[in-house]
N, C-alpha and C. Protein backbone atom coordinates (compact mmCIF):
# COMPACT_ATOMS: atom_id res chain seq x y z
N MET A 1 0.84 -1.16 0.00
CA MET A 1 0.00 0.00 0.00
C MET A 1 0.89 1.23 0.00
N VAL A 2 0.45 2.25 -0.70
CA VAL A 2 1.15 3.53 -0.76
C VAL A 2 0.17 4.60 -0.32
N ALA A 3 0.62 5.53 0.48
CA ALA A 3 -0.23 6.62 0.94
C ALA A 3 0.47 7.94 0.63
N GLY A 4 -0.34 8.96 0.37
CA GLY A 4 0.26 10.25 0.10
C GLY A 4 -0.77 11.34 -0.10
N VAL A 5 -0.28 12.55 -0.17
CA VAL A 5 -1.11 13.72 -0.39
C VAL A 5 -1.00 14.08 -1.87
N ILE A 6 -2.16 14.30 -2.49
CA ILE A 6 -2.18 14.69 -3.90
C ILE A 6 -2.88 16.04 -4.03
N GLY A 7 -2.58 16.74 -5.12
CA GLY A 7 -3.24 18.00 -5.41
C GLY A 7 -2.32 19.18 -5.27
N LYS A 8 -2.64 20.23 -6.04
CA LYS A 8 -1.87 21.48 -5.97
C LYS A 8 -2.68 22.60 -5.33
N GLN A 9 -3.96 22.66 -5.63
CA GLN A 9 -4.84 23.67 -5.05
C GLN A 9 -5.58 23.15 -3.83
N LYS A 10 -6.17 21.99 -3.99
CA LYS A 10 -6.92 21.35 -2.91
C LYS A 10 -6.23 20.02 -2.60
N PHE A 11 -5.70 19.90 -1.40
CA PHE A 11 -4.96 18.71 -1.03
C PHE A 11 -5.89 17.59 -0.57
N ALA A 12 -5.54 16.38 -0.90
CA ALA A 12 -6.31 15.21 -0.48
C ALA A 12 -5.34 14.08 -0.13
N TYR A 13 -5.61 13.44 0.97
CA TYR A 13 -4.83 12.28 1.39
C TYR A 13 -5.47 11.05 0.77
N ASP A 14 -4.70 10.18 0.16
CA ASP A 14 -5.26 9.02 -0.51
C ASP A 14 -4.36 7.80 -0.32
N LEU A 15 -4.95 6.63 -0.55
CA LEU A 15 -4.24 5.36 -0.45
C LEU A 15 -4.38 4.61 -1.76
N TRP A 16 -3.31 3.89 -2.18
CA TRP A 16 -3.32 3.10 -3.39
C TRP A 16 -2.68 1.76 -3.13
N GLY A 17 -2.98 0.80 -3.99
CA GLY A 17 -2.28 -0.46 -3.93
C GLY A 17 -3.20 -1.66 -3.88
N ASP A 18 -2.58 -2.84 -3.94
CA ASP A 18 -3.31 -4.10 -3.97
C ASP A 18 -4.16 -4.29 -2.72
N THR A 19 -3.65 -3.90 -1.55
CA THR A 19 -4.40 -4.04 -0.30
C THR A 19 -5.68 -3.23 -0.35
N VAL A 20 -5.60 -2.02 -0.86
CA VAL A 20 -6.78 -1.15 -0.97
C VAL A 20 -7.79 -1.75 -1.95
N ASN A 21 -7.30 -2.25 -3.08
CA ASN A 21 -8.19 -2.87 -4.07
C ASN A 21 -8.88 -4.10 -3.50
N THR A 22 -8.15 -4.94 -2.78
CA THR A 22 -8.74 -6.13 -2.17
C THR A 22 -9.81 -5.73 -1.16
N ALA A 23 -9.53 -4.74 -0.33
CA ALA A 23 -10.51 -4.28 0.66
C ALA A 23 -11.77 -3.76 -0.02
N ALA A 24 -11.63 -3.03 -1.10
CA ALA A 24 -12.80 -2.51 -1.83
C ALA A 24 -13.63 -3.65 -2.41
N ARG A 25 -12.98 -4.65 -2.96
CA ARG A 25 -13.70 -5.80 -3.53
C ARG A 25 -14.39 -6.61 -2.43
N MET A 26 -13.71 -6.77 -1.29
CA MET A 26 -14.31 -7.48 -0.16
C MET A 26 -15.57 -6.75 0.31
N GLU A 27 -15.50 -5.44 0.35
CA GLU A 27 -16.65 -4.64 0.77
C GLU A 27 -17.82 -4.81 -0.20
N SER A 28 -17.52 -4.81 -1.49
CA SER A 28 -18.60 -4.92 -2.48
C SER A 28 -19.26 -6.30 -2.47
N HIS A 29 -18.58 -7.31 -1.92
CA HIS A 29 -19.13 -8.66 -1.82
C HIS A 29 -19.62 -8.97 -0.40
N GLY A 30 -19.68 -7.96 0.44
CA GLY A 30 -20.03 -8.17 1.83
C GLY A 30 -21.51 -8.42 2.06
N ILE A 31 -21.83 -8.80 3.27
CA ILE A 31 -23.20 -9.01 3.72
C ILE A 31 -23.53 -7.88 4.68
N PRO A 32 -24.65 -7.18 4.47
CA PRO A 32 -25.00 -6.08 5.39
C PRO A 32 -25.02 -6.54 6.85
N GLY A 33 -24.40 -5.77 7.72
CA GLY A 33 -24.36 -6.07 9.14
C GLY A 33 -23.31 -7.08 9.56
N GLU A 34 -22.51 -7.55 8.63
CA GLU A 34 -21.47 -8.55 8.92
C GLU A 34 -20.09 -7.96 8.64
N ILE A 35 -19.08 -8.52 9.30
CA ILE A 35 -17.68 -8.17 9.04
C ILE A 35 -17.03 -9.40 8.45
N GLN A 36 -16.52 -9.27 7.23
CA GLN A 36 -15.86 -10.42 6.61
C GLN A 36 -14.39 -10.13 6.46
N VAL A 37 -13.58 -11.18 6.66
CA VAL A 37 -12.14 -11.03 6.66
C VAL A 37 -11.48 -12.09 5.80
N THR A 38 -10.25 -11.82 5.42
CA THR A 38 -9.44 -12.74 4.63
C THR A 38 -8.85 -13.82 5.53
N PRO A 39 -8.30 -14.89 4.95
CA PRO A 39 -7.65 -15.93 5.77
C PRO A 39 -6.50 -15.39 6.63
N GLU A 40 -5.77 -14.41 6.12
CA GLU A 40 -4.65 -13.85 6.89
C GLU A 40 -5.16 -13.16 8.16
N THR A 41 -6.24 -12.40 8.03
CA THR A 41 -6.82 -11.72 9.19
C THR A 41 -7.48 -12.73 10.12
N GLN A 42 -8.12 -13.73 9.55
CA GLN A 42 -8.75 -14.78 10.35
C GLN A 42 -7.72 -15.46 11.25
N ALA A 43 -6.54 -15.74 10.71
CA ALA A 43 -5.48 -16.40 11.49
C ALA A 43 -5.04 -15.53 12.67
N LEU A 44 -4.99 -14.22 12.47
CA LEU A 44 -4.60 -13.31 13.55
C LEU A 44 -5.69 -13.18 14.61
N LEU A 45 -6.95 -13.20 14.20
CA LEU A 45 -8.07 -13.01 15.13
C LEU A 45 -8.50 -14.29 15.85
N LYS A 46 -8.21 -15.44 15.24
CA LYS A 46 -8.72 -16.73 15.71
C LYS A 46 -8.51 -16.99 17.20
N PRO A 47 -7.36 -16.64 17.80
CA PRO A 47 -7.19 -16.94 19.23
C PRO A 47 -8.18 -16.21 20.15
N ASN A 48 -8.67 -15.05 19.73
CA ASN A 48 -9.50 -14.23 20.61
C ASN A 48 -10.93 -14.00 20.13
N TYR A 49 -11.25 -14.45 18.93
CA TYR A 49 -12.57 -14.16 18.36
C TYR A 49 -13.16 -15.40 17.71
N HIS A 50 -14.49 -15.45 17.68
CA HIS A 50 -15.21 -16.50 16.97
C HIS A 50 -15.35 -16.06 15.52
N LEU A 51 -14.98 -16.92 14.59
CA LEU A 51 -15.14 -16.65 13.16
C LEU A 51 -15.85 -17.82 12.51
N GLU A 52 -16.64 -17.51 11.51
CA GLU A 52 -17.41 -18.53 10.80
C GLU A 52 -17.00 -18.51 9.33
N GLU A 53 -16.72 -19.67 8.79
CA GLU A 53 -16.34 -19.74 7.37
C GLU A 53 -17.54 -19.36 6.51
N ARG A 54 -17.36 -18.38 5.64
CA ARG A 54 -18.42 -17.98 4.72
C ARG A 54 -18.34 -18.76 3.42
N GLY A 55 -17.13 -19.01 2.97
CA GLY A 55 -16.92 -19.69 1.70
C GLY A 55 -15.97 -18.91 0.83
N TRP A 56 -16.09 -19.12 -0.45
CA TRP A 56 -15.19 -18.50 -1.42
C TRP A 56 -15.93 -17.42 -2.20
N ILE A 57 -15.25 -16.28 -2.41
CA ILE A 57 -15.81 -15.24 -3.26
C ILE A 57 -14.80 -14.91 -4.36
N ASP A 58 -15.31 -14.51 -5.50
CA ASP A 58 -14.46 -14.18 -6.64
C ASP A 58 -14.09 -12.70 -6.57
N ILE A 59 -12.84 -12.42 -6.32
CA ILE A 59 -12.34 -11.06 -6.22
C ILE A 59 -11.70 -10.68 -7.55
N LYS A 60 -12.25 -9.66 -8.21
CA LYS A 60 -11.75 -9.22 -9.50
C LYS A 60 -10.25 -8.94 -9.43
N GLY A 61 -9.52 -9.56 -10.33
CA GLY A 61 -8.08 -9.35 -10.38
C GLY A 61 -7.27 -10.25 -9.46
N LYS A 62 -7.92 -10.98 -8.56
CA LYS A 62 -7.20 -11.85 -7.62
C LYS A 62 -7.67 -13.29 -7.70
N GLY A 63 -8.88 -13.51 -8.19
CA GLY A 63 -9.44 -14.85 -8.23
C GLY A 63 -10.27 -15.13 -6.99
N PHE A 64 -10.44 -16.41 -6.68
CA PHE A 64 -11.27 -16.80 -5.55
C PHE A 64 -10.48 -16.73 -4.24
N ILE A 65 -11.10 -16.12 -3.23
CA ILE A 65 -10.51 -16.00 -1.90
C ILE A 65 -11.52 -16.54 -0.89
N GLN A 66 -11.03 -17.37 0.02
CA GLN A 66 -11.90 -17.86 1.09
C GLN A 66 -12.07 -16.74 2.10
N VAL A 67 -13.30 -16.52 2.56
CA VAL A 67 -13.55 -15.45 3.53
C VAL A 67 -14.26 -16.01 4.75
N TYR A 68 -14.11 -15.27 5.85
CA TYR A 68 -14.68 -15.65 7.14
C TYR A 68 -15.48 -14.47 7.67
N LEU A 69 -16.51 -14.78 8.47
CA LEU A 69 -17.31 -13.76 9.11
C LEU A 69 -16.92 -13.68 10.58
N LEU A 70 -16.68 -12.46 11.04
CA LEU A 70 -16.33 -12.22 12.44
C LEU A 70 -17.64 -12.24 13.24
N LYS A 71 -17.73 -13.13 14.23
CA LYS A 71 -18.97 -13.30 14.98
C LYS A 71 -18.93 -12.77 16.40
N GLY A 72 -17.76 -12.48 16.92
CA GLY A 72 -17.68 -11.92 18.28
C GLY A 72 -16.46 -12.39 19.03
N LYS A 73 -16.30 -11.80 20.20
CA LYS A 73 -15.16 -12.12 21.05
C LYS A 73 -15.38 -13.45 21.77
N ARG A 74 -14.31 -14.20 21.99
CA ARG A 74 -14.39 -15.48 22.73
C ARG A 74 -14.64 -15.21 24.19
């Protein structure tokens, strides 16, 4: 991910990169009222949180990614 300020007259802080694109695609495939995470995030959260396997979603430009739903603290 790359972050920076763009603009000459009106400045704006923005983010670019594969991580940002993946997050945007995950959001567009989300379920209202749910938090869905990638396997990498699931592995970090697993010791302290309950997660439920949602299945596989097709992420444009990345292919199929298995996703999990965050259900709450253990």
